[in-house]
């Protein structure tokens, strides 16, 4: 909605980001399990004609030793030759990561917006000397670079999915474009995440003065009154304070719904960040 809501801490906000990325790591790890099977040894159409018995297992063993990654003989060579859905799954996991990165980067851009007319609750590193035409501001270039990478990964995923659908009978010849786009997505995300972490996230600071001002000016603190005076009265307080440009406390007391002491006891932002 991009509207005010009840308070939370920066630590809680960033804990959500951490949980997203941990989930993405599990998704990618799981997706990679399905690309270990090799169709080699299936020869032309999956029957294994003219291939020595045990070739697939031997090649998988040698590749595992050379690469340090575990490869297996695909149990069904017909499926292995014509279907590339395992790589679609890998790309899907990368796209899920990209979607979360887009959300994180945009959140940080919003929270660092300003310097006067934005939210301004975060201070991000000044990697460049600001705008080329408007001095005195810090552009979120690392966040913007990351979001552009995300757009590319979304496009790559669409290409991969369409290419994987082009198997005809026992063969899909679109493997090169699938591999190209999967590898590009991996490289782009790896580079962009590393740069974003090093050049932006590591240097983020909380603008405590702005955060404190925003918290205490927030009309949504009225939510803490709801259990004591009911939703309708709480909503009336917030709407009246907004219309008059006054504080919640002034209007709550003026309307006679609580005393000053009760307001101070009920409306405490630090008690609104967890169930109670």
C-alpha atoms as a PDB file:
ATOM      1  CA  UNK A   1       0.000   0.000   0.000  1.00  0.00           C
ATOM      2  CA  UNK A   2       2.925   2.374   0.708  1.00  0.00           C
ATOM      3  CA  UNK A   3       0.918   3.675   3.677  1.00  0.00           C
ATOM      4  CA  UNK A   4       1.963   4.069   7.314  1.00  0.00           C
ATOM      5  CA  UNK A   5       1.655   0.972   9.510  1.00  0.00           C
ATOM      6  CA  UNK A   6       2.557  -0.190  12.992  1.00  0.00           C
ATOM      7  CA  UNK A   7       6.232   0.043  14.029  1.00  0.00           C
ATOM      8  CA  UNK A   8       8.981  -2.537  13.760  1.00  0.00           C
ATOM      9  CA  UNK A   9      12.719  -2.414  14.285  1.00  0.00           C
ATOM     10  CA  UNK A  10      15.355  -2.282  11.578  1.00  0.00           C
ATOM     11  CA  UNK A  11      16.622  -5.568  12.967  1.00  0.00           C
ATOM     12  CA  UNK A  12      13.224  -7.140  12.364  1.00  0.00           C
ATOM     13  CA  UNK A  13      13.124  -5.723   8.833  1.00  0.00           C
ATOM     14  CA  UNK A  14      16.548  -7.102   7.984  1.00  0.00           C
ATOM     15  CA  UNK A  15      15.804 -10.445   9.648  1.00  0.00           C
ATOM     16  CA  UNK A  16      13.115 -10.891   7.019  1.00  0.00           C
ATOM     17  CA  UNK A  17      15.696 -10.321   4.299  1.00  0.00           C
ATOM     18  CA  UNK A  18      18.007 -12.910   5.866  1.00  0.00           C
ATOM     19  CA  UNK A  19      15.195 -15.476   6.037  1.00  0.00           C
ATOM     20  CA  UNK A  20      14.350 -14.859   2.371  1.00  0.00           C
ATOM     21  CA  UNK A  21      17.921 -15.492   1.274  1.00  0.00           C
ATOM     22  CA  UNK A  22      18.250 -18.577   3.473  1.00  0.00           C
ATOM     23  CA  UNK A  23      15.120 -19.989   1.841  1.00  0.00           C
ATOM     24  CA  UNK A  24      16.539 -19.197  -1.600  1.00  0.00           C
ATOM     25  CA  UNK A  25      19.755 -21.027  -0.716  1.00  0.00           C
ATOM     26  CA  UNK A  26      17.772 -24.134   0.214  1.00  0.00           C
ATOM     27  CA  UNK A  27      15.729 -23.884  -2.998  1.00  0.00           C
ATOM     28  CA  UNK A  28      18.831 -23.617  -5.178  1.00  0.00           C
ATOM     29  CA  UNK A  29      20.536 -26.490  -3.359  1.00  0.00           C
ATOM     30  CA  UNK A  30      17.473 -28.676  -3.862  1.00  0.00           C
ATOM     31  CA  UNK A  31      17.169 -27.728  -7.542  1.00  0.00           C
ATOM     32  CA  UNK A  32      20.804 -28.667  -8.186  1.00  0.00           C
ATOM     33  CA  UNK A  33      20.136 -32.227  -7.021  1.00  0.00           C
ATOM     34  CA  UNK A  34      18.069 -32.784 -10.158  1.00  0.00           C
ATOM     35  CA  UNK A  35      20.840 -31.876 -12.618  1.00  0.00           C
ATOM     36  CA  UNK A  36      23.240 -34.577 -11.442  1.00  0.00           C
ATOM     37  CA  UNK A  37      21.828 -37.209 -13.791  1.00  0.00           C
ATOM     38  CA  UNK A  38      23.694 -37.514 -17.123  1.00  0.00           C
ATOM     39  CA  UNK A  39      22.112 -38.776 -20.331  1.00  0.00           C
ATOM     40  CA  UNK A  40      25.478 -39.822 -21.771  1.00  0.00           C
ATOM     41  CA  UNK A  41      25.409 -43.428 -22.893  1.00  0.00           C
ATOM     42  CA  UNK A  42      21.890 -43.098 -24.222  1.00  0.00           C
ATOM     43  CA  UNK A  43      23.429 -42.395 -27.659  1.00  0.00           C
ATOM     44  CA  UNK A  44      21.022 -41.369 -30.428  1.00  0.00           C
ATOM     45  CA  UNK A  45      17.555 -41.809 -28.971  1.00  0.00           C
ATOM     46  CA  UNK A  46      18.073 -43.152 -25.461  1.00  0.00           C
ATOM     47  CA  UNK A  47      18.358 -46.857 -26.238  1.00  0.00           C
ATOM     48  CA  UNK A  48      22.113 -46.949 -25.699  1.00  0.00           C
ATOM     49  CA  UNK A  49      22.772 -48.505 -29.100  1.00  0.00           C
ATOM     50  CA  UNK A  50      26.542 -48.989 -29.767  1.00  0.00           C
ATOM     51  CA  UNK A  51      27.515 -47.804 -26.260  1.00  0.00           C
ATOM     52  CA  UNK A  52      29.482 -50.207 -24.054  1.00  0.00           C
ATOM     53  CA  UNK A  53      27.605 -51.492 -21.048  1.00  0.00           C
ATOM     54  CA  UNK A  54      28.437 -49.376 -18.005  1.00  0.00           C
ATOM     55  CA  UNK A  55      29.704 -46.388 -20.034  1.00  0.00           C
ATOM     56  CA  UNK A  56      27.305 -43.929 -18.404  1.00  0.00           C
ATOM     57  CA  UNK A  57      28.267 -44.964 -14.888  1.00  0.00           C
ATOM     58  CA  UNK A  58      31.992 -44.818 -15.710  1.00  0.00           C
ATOM     59  CA  UNK A  59      31.744 -41.335 -17.235  1.00  0.00           C
ATOM     60  CA  UNK A  60      29.721 -40.084 -14.272  1.00  0.00           C
ATOM     61  CA  UNK A  61      32.376 -41.428 -11.892  1.00  0.00           C
ATOM     62  CA  UNK A  62      35.235 -39.779 -13.809  1.00  0.00           C
ATOM     63  CA  UNK A  63      33.410 -36.432 -14.037  1.00  0.00           C
ATOM     64  CA  UNK A  64      32.637 -36.571 -10.331  1.00  0.00           C
ATOM     65  CA  UNK A  65      36.320 -37.093  -9.570  1.00  0.00           C
ATOM     66  CA  UNK A  66      37.484 -34.352 -11.931  1.00  0.00           C
ATOM     67  CA  UNK A  67      34.976 -31.711 -10.824  1.00  0.00           C
ATOM     68  CA  UNK A  68      34.486 -32.542  -7.167  1.00  0.00           C
ATOM     69  CA  UNK A  69      30.723 -32.607  -7.758  1.00  0.00           C
ATOM     70  CA  UNK A  70      28.591 -35.736  -7.636  1.00  0.00           C
ATOM     71  CA  UNK A  71      27.254 -36.883 -11.009  1.00  0.00           C
ATOM     72  CA  UNK A  72      25.094 -39.920 -11.721  1.00  0.00           C
ATOM     73  CA  UNK A  73      23.875 -41.922 -14.665  1.00  0.00           C
ATOM     74  CA  UNK A  74      20.364 -40.772 -15.534  1.00  0.00           C
ATOM     75  CA  UNK A  75      18.010 -43.670 -14.760  1.00  0.00           C
ATOM     76  CA  UNK A  76      15.957 -42.986 -17.896  1.00  0.00           C
ATOM     77  CA  UNK A  77      17.992 -41.882 -20.904  1.00  0.00           C
ATOM     78  CA  UNK A  78      14.898 -41.097 -22.985  1.00  0.00           C
ATOM     79  CA  UNK A  79      13.864 -38.488 -20.451  1.00  0.00           C
ATOM     80  CA  UNK A  80      17.448 -37.314 -20.080  1.00  0.00           C
ATOM     81  CA  UNK A  81      17.827 -36.573 -23.793  1.00  0.00           C
ATOM     82  CA  UNK A  82      14.561 -34.806 -24.513  1.00  0.00           C
ATOM     83  CA  UNK A  83      13.626 -33.093 -21.240  1.00  0.00           C
ATOM     84  CA  UNK A  84      15.540 -30.225 -19.666  1.00  0.00           C
ATOM     85  CA  UNK A  85      13.090 -29.472 -16.883  1.00  0.00           C
ATOM     86  CA  UNK A  86      15.847 -29.929 -14.296  1.00  0.00           C
ATOM     87  CA  UNK A  87      17.521 -26.782 -15.618  1.00  0.00           C
ATOM     88  CA  UNK A  88      14.149 -25.041 -15.697  1.00  0.00           C
ATOM     89  CA  UNK A  89      13.990 -25.838 -11.986  1.00  0.00           C
ATOM     90  CA  UNK A  90      17.443 -24.369 -11.414  1.00  0.00           C
ATOM     91  CA  UNK A  91      16.462 -21.239 -13.315  1.00  0.00           C
ATOM     92  CA  UNK A  92      13.234 -21.057 -11.338  1.00  0.00           C
ATOM     93  CA  UNK A  93      15.189 -21.134  -8.089  1.00  0.00           C
ATOM     94  CA  UNK A  94      17.453 -18.380  -9.428  1.00  0.00           C
ATOM     95  CA  UNK A  95      14.380 -16.371 -10.405  1.00  0.00           C
ATOM     96  CA  UNK A  96      12.965 -16.788  -6.898  1.00  0.00           C
ATOM     97  CA  UNK A  97      16.248 -15.434  -5.537  1.00  0.00           C
ATOM     98  CA  UNK A  98      16.112 -12.571  -8.035  1.00  0.00           C
ATOM     99  CA  UNK A  99      12.551 -11.717  -6.999  1.00  0.00           C
ATOM    100  CA  UNK A 100      13.618 -11.420  -3.369  1.00  0.00           C
ATOM    101  CA  UNK A 101      16.660  -9.362  -4.339  1.00  0.00           C
ATOM    102  CA  UNK A 102      14.394  -6.964  -6.237  1.00  0.00           C
ATOM    103  CA  UNK A 103      12.239  -6.530  -3.144  1.00  0.00           C
ATOM    104  CA  UNK A 104      15.262  -6.023  -0.864  1.00  0.00           C
ATOM    105  CA  UNK A 105      16.957  -3.541  -3.197  1.00  0.00           C
ATOM    106  CA  UNK A 106      13.753  -1.554  -3.652  1.00  0.00           C
ATOM    107  CA  UNK A 107      13.095  -1.487   0.098  1.00  0.00           C
ATOM    108  CA  UNK A 108      16.556  -0.077   0.687  1.00  0.00           C
ATOM    109  CA  UNK A 109      16.048   2.511  -2.067  1.00  0.00           C
ATOM    110  CA  UNK A 110      12.794   3.638  -0.469  1.00  0.00           C
ATOM    111  CA  UNK A 111      14.232   3.697   3.048  1.00  0.00           C
ATOM    112  CA  UNK A 112      17.238   5.724   1.856  1.00  0.00           C
ATOM    113  CA  UNK A 113      15.180   8.103  -0.285  1.00  0.00           C
ATOM    114  CA  UNK A 114      15.615  11.830   0.257  1.00  0.00           C
ATOM    115  CA  UNK A 115      17.537  13.713   1.406  1.00  0.00           C
ATOM    116  CA  UNK A 116      14.609  15.987   2.381  1.00  0.00           C
ATOM    117  CA  UNK A 117      11.487  14.747   0.606  1.00  0.00           C
ATOM    118  CA  UNK A 118      11.898  11.004   1.073  1.00  0.00           C
ATOM    119  CA  UNK A 119      11.754   8.522   3.943  1.00  0.00           C
ATOM    120  CA  UNK A 120      15.435   8.859   4.785  1.00  0.00           C
ATOM    121  CA  UNK A 121      15.578   6.276   7.570  1.00  0.00           C
ATOM    122  CA  UNK A 122      18.702   4.654   6.106  1.00  0.00           C
ATOM    123  CA  UNK A 123      22.001   6.251   5.145  1.00  0.00           C
ATOM    124  CA  UNK A 124      23.698   4.383   2.300  1.00  0.00           C
ATOM    125  CA  UNK A 125      27.343   4.721   1.216  1.00  0.00           C
ATOM    126  CA  UNK A 126      28.143   7.427  -1.321  1.00  0.00           C
ATOM    127  CA  UNK A 127      29.838   5.313  -3.985  1.00  0.00           C
ATOM    128  CA  UNK A 128      29.705   8.160  -6.501  1.00  0.00           C
ATOM    129  CA  UNK A 129      29.711  11.968  -6.111  1.00  0.00           C
ATOM    130  CA  UNK A 130      25.912  12.159  -6.341  1.00  0.00           C
ATOM    131  CA  UNK A 131      23.890  13.361  -9.295  1.00  0.00           C
ATOM    132  CA  UNK A 132      25.665  14.779 -12.334  1.00  0.00           C
ATOM    133  CA  UNK A 133      23.258  17.740 -12.337  1.00  0.00           C
ATOM    134  CA  UNK A 134      21.886  17.944  -8.768  1.00  0.00           C
ATOM    135  CA  UNK A 135      24.567  18.056  -6.050  1.00  0.00           C
ATOM    136  CA  UNK A 136      24.003  17.058  -2.456  1.00  0.00           C
ATOM    137  CA  UNK A 137      22.347  13.670  -2.779  1.00  0.00           C
ATOM    138  CA  UNK A 138      23.420  10.028  -2.758  1.00  0.00           C
ATOM    139  CA  UNK A 139      21.996   7.945  -5.570  1.00  0.00           C
ATOM    140  CA  UNK A 140      21.342   4.246  -4.752  1.00  0.00           C
ATOM    141  CA  UNK A 141      23.414   3.024  -7.693  1.00  0.00           C
ATOM    142  CA  UNK A 142      24.229  -0.372  -6.195  1.00  0.00           C
ATOM    143  CA  UNK A 143      20.546  -1.080  -5.588  1.00  0.00           C
ATOM    144  CA  UNK A 144      19.702   0.066  -9.105  1.00  0.00           C
ATOM    145  CA  UNK A 145      22.415  -2.132 -10.609  1.00  0.00           C
ATOM    146  CA  UNK A 146      21.036  -5.113  -8.710  1.00  0.00           C
ATOM    147  CA  UNK A 147      17.490  -4.482  -9.918  1.00  0.00           C
ATOM    148  CA  UNK A 148      18.701  -4.335 -13.521  1.00  0.00           C
ATOM    149  CA  UNK A 149      20.371  -7.711 -13.068  1.00  0.00           C
ATOM    150  CA  UNK A 150      17.080  -9.050 -11.731  1.00  0.00           C
ATOM    151  CA  UNK A 151      15.293  -7.883 -14.890  1.00  0.00           C
ATOM    152  CA  UNK A 152      17.842  -9.755 -16.999  1.00  0.00           C
ATOM    153  CA  UNK A 153      17.467 -12.924 -14.914  1.00  0.00           C
ATOM    154  CA  UNK A 154      13.686 -12.786 -15.347  1.00  0.00           C
ATOM    155  CA  UNK A 155      14.200 -12.580 -19.108  1.00  0.00           C
ATOM    156  CA  UNK A 156      16.712 -15.429 -19.055  1.00  0.00           C
ATOM    157  CA  UNK A 157      14.244 -17.598 -17.164  1.00  0.00           C
ATOM    158  CA  UNK A 158      11.573 -17.023 -19.807  1.00  0.00           C
ATOM    159  CA  UNK A 159      14.049 -18.045 -22.523  1.00  0.00           C
ATOM    160  CA  UNK A 160      15.079 -21.159 -20.592  1.00  0.00           C
ATOM    161  CA  UNK A 161      11.496 -22.276 -20.013  1.00  0.00           C
ATOM    162  CA  UNK A 162      10.530 -21.811 -23.660  1.00  0.00           C
ATOM    163  CA  UNK A 163      13.668 -23.578 -24.895  1.00  0.00           C
ATOM    164  CA  UNK A 164      13.011 -26.499 -22.557  1.00  0.00           C
ATOM    165  CA  UNK A 165       9.562 -26.918 -24.088  1.00  0.00           C
ATOM    166  CA  UNK A 166      11.032 -27.514 -27.544  1.00  0.00           C
ATOM    167  CA  UNK A 167      11.846 -31.200 -27.197  1.00  0.00           C
ATOM    168  CA  UNK A 168      10.604 -33.211 -30.174  1.00  0.00           C
ATOM    169  CA  UNK A 169      10.269 -36.929 -29.599  1.00  0.00           C
ATOM    170  CA  UNK A 170      13.628 -38.148 -28.200  1.00  0.00           C
ATOM    171  CA  UNK A 171      15.694 -34.979 -28.559  1.00  0.00           C
ATOM    172  CA  UNK A 172      15.758 -31.339 -27.508  1.00  0.00           C
ATOM    173  CA  UNK A 173      18.413 -29.434 -29.453  1.00  0.00           C
ATOM    174  CA  UNK A 174      17.914 -26.196 -27.476  1.00  0.00           C
ATOM    175  CA  UNK A 175      20.394 -27.140 -24.738  1.00  0.00           C
ATOM    176  CA  UNK A 176      23.003 -24.518 -25.801  1.00  0.00           C
ATOM    177  CA  UNK A 177      20.654 -21.551 -25.292  1.00  0.00           C
ATOM    178  CA  UNK A 178      19.461 -23.066 -22.013  1.00  0.00           C
ATOM    179  CA  UNK A 179      23.013 -23.463 -20.723  1.00  0.00           C
ATOM    180  CA  UNK A 180      24.011 -19.984 -21.916  1.00  0.00           C
ATOM    181  CA  UNK A 181      21.178 -18.315 -20.035  1.00  0.00           C
ATOM    182  CA  UNK A 182      21.502 -20.415 -16.873  1.00  0.00           C
ATOM    183  CA  UNK A 183      25.209 -19.635 -16.638  1.00  0.00           C
ATOM    184  CA  UNK A 184      24.630 -15.955 -17.370  1.00  0.00           C
ATOM    185  CA  UNK A 185      22.009 -15.744 -14.620  1.00  0.00           C
ATOM    186  CA  UNK A 186      24.401 -17.394 -12.168  1.00  0.00           C
ATOM    187  CA  UNK A 187      27.271 -15.083 -13.069  1.00  0.00           C
ATOM    188  CA  UNK A 188      25.158 -11.926 -13.009  1.00  0.00           C
ATOM    189  CA  UNK A 189      23.536 -12.732  -9.673  1.00  0.00           C
ATOM    190  CA  UNK A 190      26.847 -13.731  -8.103  1.00  0.00           C
ATOM    191  CA  UNK A 191      28.605 -10.559  -9.229  1.00  0.00           C
ATOM    192  CA  UNK A 192      25.692  -8.242  -8.407  1.00  0.00           C
ATOM    193  CA  UNK A 193      25.086  -9.723  -4.953  1.00  0.00           C
ATOM    194  CA  UNK A 194      28.763  -9.510  -4.063  1.00  0.00           C
ATOM    195  CA  UNK A 195      28.948  -5.889  -5.214  1.00  0.00           C
ATOM    196  CA  UNK A 196      25.698  -4.965  -3.447  1.00  0.00           C
ATOM    197  CA  UNK A 197      26.846  -6.553  -0.193  1.00  0.00           C
ATOM    198  CA  UNK A 198      30.304  -4.965  -0.292  1.00  0.00           C
ATOM    199  CA  UNK A 199      29.503  -1.510  -1.638  1.00  0.00           C
ATOM    200  CA  UNK A 200      26.063  -0.906  -0.138  1.00  0.00           C
ATOM    201  CA  UNK A 201      24.839  -3.240   2.592  1.00  0.00           C
ATOM    202  CA  UNK A 202      28.100  -3.280   4.556  1.00  0.00           C
ATOM    203  CA  UNK A 203      28.025   0.510   4.850  1.00  0.00           C
ATOM    204  CA  UNK A 204      24.344   1.070   5.664  1.00  0.00           C
ATOM    205  CA  UNK A 205      23.684   3.181   8.756  1.00  0.00           C
ATOM    206  CA  UNK A 206      20.464   3.949  10.580  1.00  0.00           C
ATOM    207  CA  UNK A 207      19.362   7.581  10.542  1.00  0.00           C
ATOM    208  CA  UNK A 208      18.177   7.437  14.134  1.00  0.00           C
ATOM    209  CA  UNK A 209      16.944  11.027  14.263  1.00  0.00           C
ATOM    210  CA  UNK A 210      14.618  10.500  11.302  1.00  0.00           C
ATOM    211  CA  UNK A 211      13.477   7.112  12.586  1.00  0.00           C
ATOM    212  CA  UNK A 212      12.589   8.576  15.973  1.00  0.00           C
ATOM    213  CA  UNK A 213      10.728  11.462  14.368  1.00  0.00           C
ATOM    214  CA  UNK A 214       8.778   9.158  12.050  1.00  0.00           C
ATOM    215  CA  UNK A 215       7.835   6.794  14.857  1.00  0.00           C
ATOM    216  CA  UNK A 216       6.513   9.496  17.133  1.00  0.00           C
ATOM    217  CA  UNK A 217       4.672  11.283  14.311  1.00  0.00           C
ATOM    218  CA  UNK A 218       3.031   8.103  13.066  1.00  0.00           C
ATOM    219  CA  UNK A 219      -0.748   8.066  13.295  1.00  0.00           C
ATOM    220  CA  UNK A 220      -0.651   4.270  13.242  1.00  0.00           C
ATOM    221  CA  UNK A 221       0.474   4.213  16.865  1.00  0.00           C
ATOM    222  CA  UNK A 222      -3.222   4.639  17.551  1.00  0.00           C
ATOM    223  CA  UNK A 223      -3.481   0.885  16.941  1.00  0.00           C
ATOM    224  CA  UNK A 224      -2.213   0.410  20.500  1.00  0.00           C
ATOM    225  CA  UNK A 225      -5.395   2.082  21.773  1.00  0.00           C
ATOM    226  CA  UNK A 226      -7.729  -0.291  19.935  1.00  0.00           C
ATOM    227  CA  UNK A 227      -7.830  -2.992  22.662  1.00  0.00           C
ATOM    228  CA  UNK A 228      -8.713  -0.324  25.239  1.00  0.00           C
ATOM    229  CA  UNK A 229     -11.221   1.950  23.460  1.00  0.00           C
ATOM    230  CA  UNK A 230     -12.240  -0.020  20.362  1.00  0.00           C
ATOM    231  CA  UNK A 231     -11.491   0.303  16.651  1.00  0.00           C
ATOM    232  CA  UNK A 232     -14.029   3.020  15.832  1.00  0.00           C
ATOM    233  CA  UNK A 233     -12.832   5.439  18.493  1.00  0.00           C
ATOM    234  CA  UNK A 234      -9.192   4.769  17.644  1.00  0.00           C
ATOM    235  CA  UNK A 235      -9.919   5.470  13.979  1.00  0.00           C
ATOM    236  CA  UNK A 236     -11.690   8.707  14.921  1.00  0.00           C
ATOM    237  CA  UNK A 237      -8.641   9.857  16.879  1.00  0.00           C
ATOM    238  CA  UNK A 238      -6.293   9.165  13.965  1.00  0.00           C
ATOM    239  CA  UNK A 239      -8.519  10.837  11.378  1.00  0.00           C
ATOM    240  CA  UNK A 240      -9.060  13.899  13.557  1.00  0.00           C
ATOM    241  CA  UNK A 241      -5.352  14.256  14.315  1.00  0.00           C
ATOM    242  CA  UNK A 242      -4.543  13.952  10.622  1.00  0.00           C
ATOM    243  CA  UNK A 243      -7.168  16.524   9.633  1.00  0.00           C
ATOM    244  CA  UNK A 244      -6.123  19.019  12.313  1.00  0.00           C
ATOM    245  CA  UNK A 245      -2.374  18.465  12.063  1.00  0.00           C
ATOM    246  CA  UNK A 246      -2.273  17.601  15.751  1.00  0.00           C
ATOM    247  CA  UNK A 247      -0.899  14.672  17.718  1.00  0.00           C
ATOM    248  CA  UNK A 248      -2.716  11.489  18.639  1.00  0.00           C
ATOM    249  CA  UNK A 249      -2.339  12.328  22.294  1.00  0.00           C
ATOM    250  CA  UNK A 250      -3.915  15.760  21.916  1.00  0.00           C
ATOM    251  CA  UNK A 251      -6.962  14.428  20.098  1.00  0.00           C
ATOM    252  CA  UNK A 252      -7.373  11.327  22.272  1.00  0.00           C
ATOM    253  CA  UNK A 253      -7.491  13.465  25.407  1.00  0.00           C
ATOM    254  CA  UNK A 254      -9.637  16.180  23.795  1.00  0.00           C
ATOM    255  CA  UNK A 255     -12.189  13.588  22.677  1.00  0.00           C
ATOM    256  CA  UNK A 256     -12.278  12.225  26.209  1.00  0.00           C
ATOM    257  CA  UNK A 257     -11.403   8.655  25.301  1.00  0.00           C
ATOM    258  CA  UNK A 258      -8.289   8.428  27.512  1.00  0.00           C
ATOM    259  CA  UNK A 259      -6.386  10.570  29.970  1.00  0.00           C
ATOM    260  CA  UNK A 260      -2.833  11.729  29.330  1.00  0.00           C
ATOM    261  CA  UNK A 261      -1.553   9.116  31.773  1.00  0.00           C
ATOM    262  CA  UNK A 262      -3.520   6.342  30.080  1.00  0.00           C
ATOM    263  CA  UNK A 263      -2.290   7.399  26.651  1.00  0.00           C
ATOM    264  CA  UNK A 264       1.339   7.314  27.791  1.00  0.00           C
ATOM    265  CA  UNK A 265       0.790   3.889  29.322  1.00  0.00           C
ATOM    266  CA  UNK A 266      -0.955   2.379  26.310  1.00  0.00           C
ATOM    267  CA  UNK A 267       0.925   3.977  23.414  1.00  0.00           C
ATOM    268  CA  UNK A 268       4.534   2.865  23.723  1.00  0.00           C
ATOM    269  CA  UNK A 269       6.203   1.987  20.404  1.00  0.00           C
ATOM    270  CA  UNK A 270       8.731  -0.303  22.081  1.00  0.00           C
ATOM    271  CA  UNK A 271       5.904  -2.577  23.264  1.00  0.00           C
ATOM    272  CA  UNK A 272       4.313  -2.770  19.803  1.00  0.00           C
ATOM    273  CA  UNK A 273       7.012  -4.838  18.110  1.00  0.00           C
ATOM    274  CA  UNK A 274       5.991  -8.250  19.478  1.00  0.00           C
ATOM    275  CA  UNK A 275       2.821 -10.088  20.542  1.00  0.00           C
ATOM    276  CA  UNK A 276       1.608  -9.256  24.028  1.00  0.00           C
END
